[in-house]
N, C-alpha and C. Protein backbone atom coordinates (compact mmCIF):
# COMPACT_ATOMS: atom_id res chain seq x y z
N MET A 1 30.73 -35.57 -26.22
CA MET A 1 31.30 -34.89 -24.88
C MET A 1 29.51 -34.17 -24.01
N ARG A 2 28.19 -34.45 -25.05
CA ARG A 2 27.20 -34.45 -24.55
C ARG A 2 26.67 -36.00 -24.10
N TYR A 3 27.25 -36.46 -24.12
CA TYR A 3 26.57 -37.60 -23.51
C TYR A 3 27.55 -37.61 -22.01
N LEU A 4 28.12 -36.89 -21.95
CA LEU A 4 28.71 -37.40 -20.52
C LEU A 4 28.54 -36.78 -20.13
N LEU A 5 28.34 -34.54 -19.95
CA LEU A 5 27.55 -33.95 -19.01
C LEU A 5 25.66 -34.62 -18.61
N TYR A 6 25.24 -35.16 -20.06
CA TYR A 6 23.90 -35.32 -19.68
C TYR A 6 24.16 -37.42 -18.27
N PHE A 7 24.74 -37.66 -18.55
CA PHE A 7 25.55 -39.05 -17.18
C PHE A 7 26.32 -38.50 -16.49
N VAL A 8 26.61 -37.12 -15.94
CA VAL A 8 26.80 -36.76 -15.30
C VAL A 8 25.55 -36.00 -15.02
N PHE A 9 24.63 -35.51 -15.26
CA PHE A 9 24.06 -34.27 -15.10
C PHE A 9 22.70 -34.76 -14.17
N ALA A 10 21.83 -36.70 -14.78
CA ALA A 10 22.01 -37.62 -14.76
C ALA A 10 21.55 -38.50 -13.23
N PHE A 11 23.20 -38.86 -13.07
CA PHE A 11 23.48 -39.37 -11.68
C PHE A 11 23.71 -38.49 -10.48
N CYS A 12 23.77 -36.79 -11.11
CA CYS A 12 23.53 -35.56 -9.42
C CYS A 12 22.61 -36.27 -8.94
N LEU A 13 21.75 -36.26 -10.85
CA LEU A 13 19.79 -35.64 -9.92
C LEU A 13 19.63 -36.79 -9.43
N TRP A 14 19.65 -37.90 -9.09
CA TRP A 14 19.15 -38.93 -9.06
C TRP A 14 20.09 -38.93 -7.91
N LEU A 15 21.29 -38.75 -7.40
CA LEU A 15 21.76 -39.07 -5.44
C LEU A 15 21.44 -37.59 -5.01
N LEU A 16 20.49 -36.83 -5.61
CA LEU A 16 19.34 -35.60 -4.82
C LEU A 16 18.46 -36.82 -4.41
N LEU A 17 17.77 -37.00 -5.28
CA LEU A 17 16.07 -37.50 -5.69
C LEU A 17 16.70 -38.43 -3.97
N THR A 18 17.68 -39.29 -4.06
CA THR A 18 17.24 -40.28 -3.61
C THR A 18 18.63 -40.08 -1.69
N LEU A 19 19.26 -39.32 -1.85
CA LEU A 19 19.29 -39.18 -0.80
C LEU A 19 20.75 -40.05 0.12
N SER A 20 21.27 -40.47 -0.73
CA SER A 20 21.85 -42.49 0.20
C SER A 20 22.93 -42.28 -1.22
N VAL A 21 24.17 -43.09 -0.07
CA VAL A 21 25.48 -43.00 -1.04
C VAL A 21 25.55 -44.16 -0.50
N HIS A 22 24.65 -45.10 -0.06
CA HIS A 22 24.76 -46.57 -0.34
C HIS A 22 24.74 -47.45 -1.30
N LEU A 23 25.71 -47.97 -1.72
CA LEU A 23 26.57 -49.02 -3.09
C LEU A 23 25.28 -49.33 -3.72
N ASP A 24 23.83 -50.08 -2.65
CA ASP A 24 22.97 -50.50 -4.47
C ASP A 24 22.14 -48.99 -5.06
N HIS A 25 22.52 -48.84 -3.84
CA HIS A 25 21.44 -47.13 -4.59
C HIS A 25 22.76 -46.60 -5.58
N LEU A 26 23.89 -46.99 -5.38
CA LEU A 26 25.11 -46.32 -6.36
C LEU A 26 24.72 -46.82 -7.62
N ILE A 27 25.12 -48.09 -7.43
CA ILE A 27 24.55 -49.10 -8.74
C ILE A 27 23.22 -48.82 -9.38
N ALA A 28 22.69 -48.29 -8.88
CA ALA A 28 21.50 -48.34 -9.32
C ALA A 28 21.31 -46.61 -9.88
N GLY A 29 21.65 -45.87 -8.97
CA GLY A 29 21.87 -45.12 -10.60
C GLY A 29 22.73 -44.74 -11.31
N ILE A 30 24.20 -45.24 -11.41
CA ILE A 30 25.20 -45.66 -12.63
C ILE A 30 23.99 -46.43 -13.07
N VAL A 31 23.56 -47.24 -13.25
CA VAL A 31 22.30 -48.30 -14.64
C VAL A 31 21.60 -47.35 -14.69
N VAL A 32 21.04 -46.22 -14.09
CA VAL A 32 19.55 -45.97 -14.75
C VAL A 32 20.11 -44.73 -15.22
N ALA A 33 20.97 -43.77 -14.93
CA ALA A 33 21.96 -42.45 -15.61
C ALA A 33 22.25 -42.88 -16.85
N LEU A 34 23.09 -44.09 -17.13
CA LEU A 34 23.21 -44.79 -17.93
C LEU A 34 21.94 -45.60 -19.42
N LEU A 35 21.77 -45.80 -18.58
CA LEU A 35 20.05 -46.20 -19.51
C LEU A 35 19.33 -44.90 -20.31
N THR A 36 19.01 -43.65 -19.35
CA THR A 36 18.56 -42.48 -20.49
C THR A 36 20.03 -41.71 -20.38
N THR A 37 20.92 -41.69 -20.20
CA THR A 37 21.77 -41.56 -21.78
C THR A 37 22.13 -41.81 -22.68
N ILE A 38 22.02 -43.59 -22.63
CA ILE A 38 21.29 -43.84 -24.34
C ILE A 38 20.71 -44.22 -25.24
N ILE A 39 19.23 -43.14 -24.22
CA ILE A 39 18.21 -43.84 -24.68
C ILE A 39 17.87 -41.52 -25.12
N PHE A 40 17.94 -40.86 -24.18
CA PHE A 40 17.65 -39.44 -24.08
C PHE A 40 19.20 -39.06 -24.61
N GLY A 41 20.07 -38.93 -24.46
CA GLY A 41 21.44 -38.18 -24.70
C GLY A 41 21.79 -37.60 -25.69
N GLY A 42 21.15 -37.14 -26.61
CA GLY A 42 21.23 -37.05 -27.77
C GLY A 42 20.40 -35.56 -27.96
N TYR A 43 19.41 -35.52 -27.06
CA TYR A 43 18.90 -34.56 -27.66
C TYR A 43 18.98 -33.53 -26.79
N PHE A 44 19.92 -34.15 -25.43
CA PHE A 44 19.96 -33.11 -24.47
C PHE A 44 20.47 -31.60 -25.21
N THR A 45 21.28 -31.56 -25.50
CA THR A 45 22.17 -30.32 -26.45
C THR A 45 23.21 -30.44 -27.66
N THR A 46 23.04 -29.11 -28.04
CA THR A 46 23.82 -29.61 -29.44
C THR A 46 25.77 -29.00 -29.16
N ARG A 47 25.64 -28.03 -27.68
CA ARG A 47 26.70 -27.11 -27.22
C ARG A 47 27.08 -27.66 -26.06
N PRO A 48 27.48 -28.56 -24.66
CA PRO A 48 27.34 -29.14 -23.61
C PRO A 48 27.75 -28.01 -22.96
N ILE A 49 29.61 -27.70 -23.70
CA ILE A 49 30.18 -27.01 -23.08
C ILE A 49 29.53 -26.07 -22.59
N LYS A 50 28.97 -25.47 -23.10
CA LYS A 50 28.08 -23.44 -22.17
C LYS A 50 27.77 -24.19 -20.69
N PHE A 51 27.16 -25.42 -20.70
CA PHE A 51 26.10 -25.31 -19.05
C PHE A 51 27.63 -25.78 -18.17
N LEU A 52 28.94 -25.90 -18.76
CA LEU A 52 29.63 -25.61 -18.07
C LEU A 52 30.06 -24.30 -16.70
N GLN A 53 29.85 -23.98 -18.11
CA GLN A 53 30.15 -22.13 -17.33
C GLN A 53 29.77 -21.37 -16.59
N LEU A 54 30.54 -20.57 -16.16
CA LEU A 54 29.84 -20.31 -14.63
C LEU A 54 29.56 -18.72 -13.97
N HIS A 55 29.28 -18.74 -15.77
CA HIS A 55 27.96 -17.51 -14.53
C HIS A 55 27.03 -18.32 -14.97
N ARG A 56 26.76 -18.83 -15.96
CA ARG A 56 25.51 -19.53 -16.18
C ARG A 56 25.13 -20.40 -15.12
N ILE A 57 26.01 -21.37 -14.43
CA ILE A 57 25.11 -21.62 -13.26
C ILE A 57 25.21 -20.79 -11.97
N PHE A 58 25.63 -20.01 -11.93
CA PHE A 58 25.39 -18.68 -11.21
C PHE A 58 23.90 -18.17 -11.66
N TRP A 59 23.20 -17.54 -12.79
CA TRP A 59 22.29 -17.24 -12.85
C TRP A 59 21.32 -18.49 -12.44
N PHE A 60 21.57 -19.89 -12.67
CA PHE A 60 21.21 -20.82 -12.23
C PHE A 60 20.51 -20.46 -10.93
N ILE A 61 21.61 -20.85 -9.85
CA ILE A 61 21.33 -20.16 -9.40
C ILE A 61 20.92 -19.60 -7.96
N ILE A 62 20.60 -18.50 -8.83
CA ILE A 62 20.03 -17.09 -8.98
C ILE A 62 18.03 -17.18 -9.43
N TYR A 63 18.44 -17.87 -10.75
CA TYR A 63 16.99 -17.78 -11.28
C TYR A 63 15.88 -18.80 -9.61
N ILE A 64 16.90 -19.84 -9.62
CA ILE A 64 15.67 -21.45 -8.52
C ILE A 64 14.72 -20.00 -7.63
N PRO A 65 16.13 -19.12 -6.33
CA PRO A 65 14.33 -18.94 -6.17
C PRO A 65 13.40 -17.96 -6.21
N VAL A 66 13.74 -17.26 -7.20
CA VAL A 66 13.42 -16.71 -8.41
C VAL A 66 11.62 -16.97 -8.28
N PHE A 67 12.23 -18.25 -8.94
CA PHE A 67 11.13 -19.47 -9.31
C PHE A 67 10.21 -19.67 -8.70
N ILE A 68 11.23 -19.97 -7.12
CA ILE A 68 9.76 -20.99 -6.51
C ILE A 68 9.12 -19.07 -5.77
N TRP A 69 9.93 -17.79 -5.92
CA TRP A 69 8.51 -17.17 -4.74
C TRP A 69 7.66 -16.88 -6.16
N TYR A 70 7.89 -17.55 -7.39
CA TYR A 70 6.57 -17.23 -8.25
C TYR A 70 5.28 -18.24 -8.02
N ILE A 71 6.71 -19.39 -8.35
CA ILE A 71 5.42 -20.65 -7.86
C ILE A 71 5.00 -20.42 -6.34
N ILE A 72 4.90 -19.93 -5.09
CA ILE A 72 4.27 -19.51 -4.15
C ILE A 72 3.09 -18.53 -4.24
N LYS A 73 3.98 -17.26 -4.71
CA LYS A 73 2.18 -16.26 -5.43
C LYS A 73 1.11 -17.28 -5.62
N ALA A 74 1.36 -17.66 -7.58
CA ALA A 74 0.87 -18.61 -7.99
C ALA A 74 -0.31 -19.79 -6.75
N ASN A 75 0.30 -19.91 -6.24
CA ASN A 75 -0.31 -20.81 -5.16
C ASN A 75 -1.40 -20.07 -4.32
N ILE A 76 -0.47 -19.15 -4.17
CA ILE A 76 -2.31 -18.76 -2.90
C ILE A 76 -2.44 -17.77 -3.76
N ASP A 77 -2.67 -17.52 -5.46
CA ASP A 77 -3.70 -16.49 -5.92
C ASP A 77 -4.31 -17.48 -6.37
N VAL A 78 -4.08 -19.61 -6.42
CA VAL A 78 -5.06 -20.84 -7.17
C VAL A 78 -5.66 -21.01 -5.64
N ALA A 79 -5.85 -20.76 -4.68
CA ALA A 79 -5.70 -21.11 -3.42
C ALA A 79 -7.25 -21.18 -3.46
N TYR A 80 -6.82 -18.93 -3.76
CA TYR A 80 -7.86 -18.06 -2.65
C TYR A 80 -8.64 -18.33 -3.73
N ARG A 81 -8.89 -18.83 -5.51
CA ARG A 81 -10.21 -18.02 -6.20
C ARG A 81 -10.31 -19.74 -5.54
N VAL A 82 -10.13 -20.99 -5.62
CA VAL A 82 -10.86 -22.42 -5.29
C VAL A 82 -10.99 -21.84 -4.48
N LEU A 83 -10.65 -21.28 -3.05
CA LEU A 83 -11.31 -20.99 -1.19
C LEU A 83 -12.53 -19.89 -1.23
N HIS A 84 -12.44 -19.01 -2.52
CA HIS A 84 -13.14 -18.22 -2.51
C HIS A 84 -15.27 -18.63 -2.82
N PRO A 85 -16.16 -18.78 -2.11
CA PRO A 85 -17.08 -18.64 -2.62
C PRO A 85 -17.71 -18.41 -4.49
N GLU A 86 -17.39 -18.09 -4.75
CA GLU A 86 -17.46 -17.28 -5.89
C GLU A 86 -16.95 -17.56 -7.26
N ARG A 87 -15.54 -18.20 -6.59
CA ARG A 87 -14.61 -19.03 -7.40
C ARG A 87 -14.51 -17.67 -8.68
N PRO A 88 -13.79 -16.62 -8.52
CA PRO A 88 -13.47 -15.62 -9.20
C PRO A 88 -12.87 -16.58 -10.58
N ILE A 89 -12.82 -17.54 -11.43
CA ILE A 89 -12.12 -17.89 -12.62
C ILE A 89 -12.39 -17.62 -14.22
N ARG A 90 -11.59 -16.79 -14.92
CA ARG A 90 -11.84 -16.90 -15.82
C ARG A 90 -10.66 -17.23 -17.77
N PRO A 91 -11.03 -18.93 -16.99
CA PRO A 91 -9.74 -19.68 -17.75
C PRO A 91 -10.31 -20.10 -19.15
N GLY A 92 -8.83 -19.67 -20.14
CA GLY A 92 -8.59 -19.75 -21.46
C GLY A 92 -7.29 -20.11 -22.03
N ILE A 93 -7.25 -19.85 -23.38
CA ILE A 93 -5.38 -20.25 -23.76
C ILE A 93 -5.75 -18.74 -24.57
N VAL A 94 -3.85 -18.45 -24.30
CA VAL A 94 -3.36 -17.10 -24.43
C VAL A 94 -2.20 -17.63 -24.77
N LYS A 95 -1.83 -17.29 -26.01
CA LYS A 95 -1.22 -17.55 -27.45
C LYS A 95 -0.13 -16.25 -26.58
N ILE A 96 1.78 -17.02 -26.16
CA ILE A 96 1.93 -15.95 -26.23
C ILE A 96 3.30 -15.83 -27.08
N LYS A 97 4.47 -14.71 -26.68
CA LYS A 97 5.67 -14.75 -28.03
C LYS A 97 7.06 -14.75 -26.93
N THR A 98 8.14 -15.11 -27.29
CA THR A 98 9.07 -15.93 -26.48
C THR A 98 10.69 -15.12 -27.06
N ASP A 99 10.71 -14.31 -26.65
CA ASP A 99 11.82 -14.00 -27.87
C ASP A 99 13.45 -15.12 -27.12
N LEU A 100 13.62 -16.24 -26.48
CA LEU A 100 14.24 -16.92 -26.30
C LEU A 100 14.75 -17.70 -27.97
N LYS A 101 16.09 -18.31 -28.52
CA LYS A 101 16.05 -18.87 -28.70
C LYS A 101 17.03 -19.88 -29.28
N THR A 102 16.97 -20.96 -27.86
CA THR A 102 17.33 -21.88 -28.47
C THR A 102 15.51 -23.27 -27.87
N ASP A 103 16.17 -24.27 -28.14
CA ASP A 103 14.71 -25.04 -28.17
C ASP A 103 14.94 -25.09 -26.58
N VAL A 104 15.87 -25.51 -25.95
CA VAL A 104 16.13 -25.78 -24.38
C VAL A 104 15.47 -24.43 -24.01
N ALA A 105 15.87 -23.31 -24.42
CA ALA A 105 15.45 -22.22 -22.86
C ALA A 105 14.24 -22.22 -23.72
N LYS A 106 13.93 -22.82 -24.53
CA LYS A 106 11.91 -22.30 -24.96
C LYS A 106 11.40 -23.49 -24.07
N VAL A 107 11.67 -24.45 -23.94
CA VAL A 107 10.92 -26.23 -22.92
C VAL A 107 11.59 -25.76 -21.86
N PHE A 108 12.26 -25.32 -21.66
CA PHE A 108 12.68 -24.03 -19.91
C PHE A 108 12.17 -23.66 -19.17
N LEU A 109 11.59 -22.34 -19.86
CA LEU A 109 10.20 -21.70 -19.75
C LEU A 109 9.15 -22.73 -19.54
N ALA A 110 8.56 -22.16 -20.67
CA ALA A 110 6.84 -23.65 -21.30
C ALA A 110 6.98 -24.62 -19.51
N ASN A 111 8.47 -25.92 -19.23
CA ASN A 111 8.23 -26.28 -18.56
C ASN A 111 8.28 -25.04 -16.76
N SER A 112 8.29 -24.69 -16.60
CA SER A 112 8.93 -23.33 -15.67
C SER A 112 6.76 -22.48 -15.57
N ILE A 113 6.39 -22.40 -16.50
CA ILE A 113 4.60 -21.62 -16.98
C ILE A 113 4.05 -22.98 -16.03
N THR A 114 4.45 -24.17 -17.05
CA THR A 114 3.52 -25.00 -16.26
C THR A 114 3.43 -25.58 -14.68
N LEU A 115 4.98 -25.57 -14.08
CA LEU A 115 5.51 -25.89 -12.76
C LEU A 115 4.74 -24.29 -12.50
N THR A 116 4.28 -23.31 -12.43
CA THR A 116 3.47 -22.23 -12.12
C THR A 116 2.36 -22.14 -11.49
N PRO A 117 1.29 -23.21 -10.48
CA PRO A 117 0.01 -22.38 -10.52
C PRO A 117 -0.73 -22.02 -11.25
N GLY A 118 -1.95 -22.20 -11.74
CA GLY A 118 -2.22 -21.54 -12.07
C GLY A 118 -2.44 -21.52 -14.75
N THR A 119 -1.47 -22.05 -15.07
CA THR A 119 -1.05 -21.83 -16.06
C THR A 119 0.11 -23.26 -16.28
N MET A 120 -0.53 -23.65 -18.24
CA MET A 120 0.14 -24.76 -18.02
C MET A 120 0.32 -24.69 -19.91
N THR A 121 1.87 -24.59 -20.18
CA THR A 121 1.90 -24.69 -21.84
C THR A 121 1.51 -25.63 -22.70
N CYS A 122 0.62 -25.44 -23.67
CA CYS A 122 -0.04 -26.34 -23.66
C CYS A 122 0.49 -26.81 -25.51
N GLU A 123 1.34 -25.84 -26.17
CA GLU A 123 2.17 -26.14 -27.72
C GLU A 123 3.31 -24.89 -27.41
N ILE A 124 3.82 -24.88 -27.81
CA ILE A 124 5.58 -24.35 -27.95
C ILE A 124 6.11 -25.23 -30.08
N ASP A 125 4.96 -23.13 -30.72
CA ASP A 125 4.72 -23.60 -32.07
C ASP A 125 6.14 -22.15 -32.21
N GLY A 126 7.05 -22.88 -32.12
CA GLY A 126 8.06 -21.86 -32.63
C GLY A 126 8.64 -20.77 -31.73
N GLN A 127 8.37 -19.31 -32.50
CA GLN A 127 8.29 -18.52 -31.11
C GLN A 127 6.95 -17.75 -30.34
N TYR A 128 6.01 -18.96 -30.62
CA TYR A 128 5.25 -18.84 -30.14
C TYR A 128 4.71 -19.62 -28.86
N LEU A 129 4.17 -20.28 -27.74
CA LEU A 129 3.81 -20.81 -27.13
C LEU A 129 2.31 -20.52 -26.62
N TYR A 130 1.55 -21.44 -26.40
CA TYR A 130 -0.30 -21.42 -26.15
C TYR A 130 -0.18 -21.80 -24.61
N ILE A 131 -0.15 -21.53 -23.86
CA ILE A 131 -0.55 -21.46 -22.16
C ILE A 131 -2.28 -21.75 -21.34
N HIS A 132 -2.96 -22.23 -21.39
CA HIS A 132 -3.54 -22.44 -20.71
C HIS A 132 -3.69 -21.32 -19.52
N TRP A 133 -4.77 -20.00 -19.22
CA TRP A 133 -3.88 -19.96 -17.78
C TRP A 133 -5.92 -20.02 -16.98
N ILE A 134 -5.97 -19.43 -16.26
CA ILE A 134 -6.80 -20.14 -15.42
C ILE A 134 -7.42 -18.90 -14.98
N TRP A 135 -6.52 -17.55 -15.11
CA TRP A 135 -7.84 -16.24 -15.46
C TRP A 135 -6.94 -15.55 -16.16
N ILE A 136 -7.35 -15.20 -17.05
CA ILE A 136 -6.76 -14.28 -19.05
C ILE A 136 -6.93 -12.76 -17.56
N GLU A 137 -5.84 -12.41 -18.18
CA GLU A 137 -5.25 -10.24 -17.65
C GLU A 137 -5.55 -10.21 -18.90
N SER A 138 -5.06 -10.82 -20.09
CA SER A 138 -4.95 -9.73 -20.45
C SER A 138 -5.55 -10.86 -22.45
N PRO A 139 -6.14 -10.96 -23.75
CA PRO A 139 -5.56 -11.20 -24.34
C PRO A 139 -4.57 -11.41 -25.45
N LYS A 140 -4.35 -10.47 -25.41
CA LYS A 140 -2.98 -9.33 -25.69
C LYS A 140 -2.15 -9.81 -25.94
N ILE A 141 -1.33 -10.65 -27.04
CA ILE A 141 0.12 -11.70 -27.27
C ILE A 141 1.02 -10.73 -26.25
N ASP A 142 0.95 -9.25 -26.68
CA ASP A 142 2.38 -8.96 -26.20
C ASP A 142 1.89 -8.63 -24.34
N GLU A 143 0.94 -8.00 -23.82
CA GLU A 143 0.70 -8.23 -22.10
C GLU A 143 0.74 -9.09 -22.12
N ALA A 144 0.40 -10.57 -22.21
CA ALA A 144 0.40 -11.79 -21.77
C ALA A 144 1.81 -11.84 -22.05
N SER A 145 2.02 -11.85 -22.77
CA SER A 145 3.70 -12.39 -22.62
C SER A 145 4.93 -11.53 -21.09
N ASN A 146 4.03 -10.40 -21.01
CA ASN A 146 4.66 -10.07 -20.59
C ASN A 146 4.60 -10.39 -18.65
N ILE A 147 3.58 -10.57 -18.36
CA ILE A 147 1.81 -11.44 -17.01
C ILE A 147 2.93 -12.32 -17.24
N ILE A 148 2.68 -13.96 -18.05
CA ILE A 148 3.57 -15.26 -18.10
C ILE A 148 5.51 -14.93 -18.11
N ALA A 149 5.59 -14.40 -19.13
CA ALA A 149 6.96 -15.58 -19.35
C ALA A 149 8.18 -14.52 -18.85
N ARG A 150 7.57 -13.24 -19.33
CA ARG A 150 9.03 -11.73 -18.38
C ARG A 150 10.18 -12.09 -17.39
N ARG A 151 8.65 -12.72 -16.47
CA ARG A 151 9.72 -12.82 -15.49
C ARG A 151 10.76 -13.73 -15.35
N PHE A 152 10.25 -15.30 -16.29
CA PHE A 152 11.60 -16.15 -16.21
C PHE A 152 12.24 -16.03 -17.63
N GLU A 153 11.13 -15.32 -18.70
CA GLU A 153 12.08 -14.83 -19.60
C GLU A 153 14.73 -14.22 -19.10
N LYS A 154 14.34 -13.13 -19.19
CA LYS A 154 15.54 -12.33 -17.99
C LYS A 154 16.51 -13.66 -17.76
N TYR A 155 15.68 -14.46 -16.97
CA TYR A 155 16.87 -15.09 -16.34
C TYR A 155 17.25 -16.00 -17.42
N LEU A 156 16.84 -16.99 -17.94
CA LEU A 156 16.47 -18.21 -18.91
C LEU A 156 17.70 -17.74 -20.36
N ARG A 157 17.57 -16.52 -20.21
CA ARG A 157 18.66 -15.70 -21.61
C ARG A 157 19.74 -15.59 -21.21
N ARG A 158 19.76 -15.40 -20.12
CA ARG A 158 21.85 -15.94 -19.33
C ARG A 158 22.16 -16.89 -18.57
N ILE A 159 20.95 -17.59 -19.08
CA ILE A 159 21.01 -19.32 -18.75
C ILE A 159 21.15 -20.35 -20.15
N PHE A 160 20.62 -19.96 -20.96
CA PHE A 160 20.66 -21.10 -21.71
C PHE A 160 21.56 -20.55 -23.27
N GLU A 161 21.12 -18.71 -23.48
CA GLU A 161 21.76 -18.88 -25.04
C GLU A 161 23.40 -17.57 -24.84
């Protein structure tokens, strides 16, 4: 089941990226999806049926605009810091704690943080993530976790756990 779900997911992603239903594109998409399924399908998830539950799909659809909103806010913040004559930055690596339990949820959180400008996930170590932050607002684990991760976790918990 996990391989089938991975294949369907990869092929749908191919269709979204190419935006084409020509026969040659469809064949190329099937080949690429099949190859990625063979190579990476075993790593996708241990319980793939969870991804077909409607409430998870609903929360994923809700998560997308929230995620885009935080990307826009972070882009504006980073642009301000780049264009400001004094370049107000205080970079560093902070340790944050996540309450997410599954590896898929933690990886999704790490990627969400990395895709938000001004932050980049360096490492996932159990319940902790090490984040490079362009402007460290707080070096304390709890405060940094609230600022960086909690905004994503409340949605990711409903999607992946």
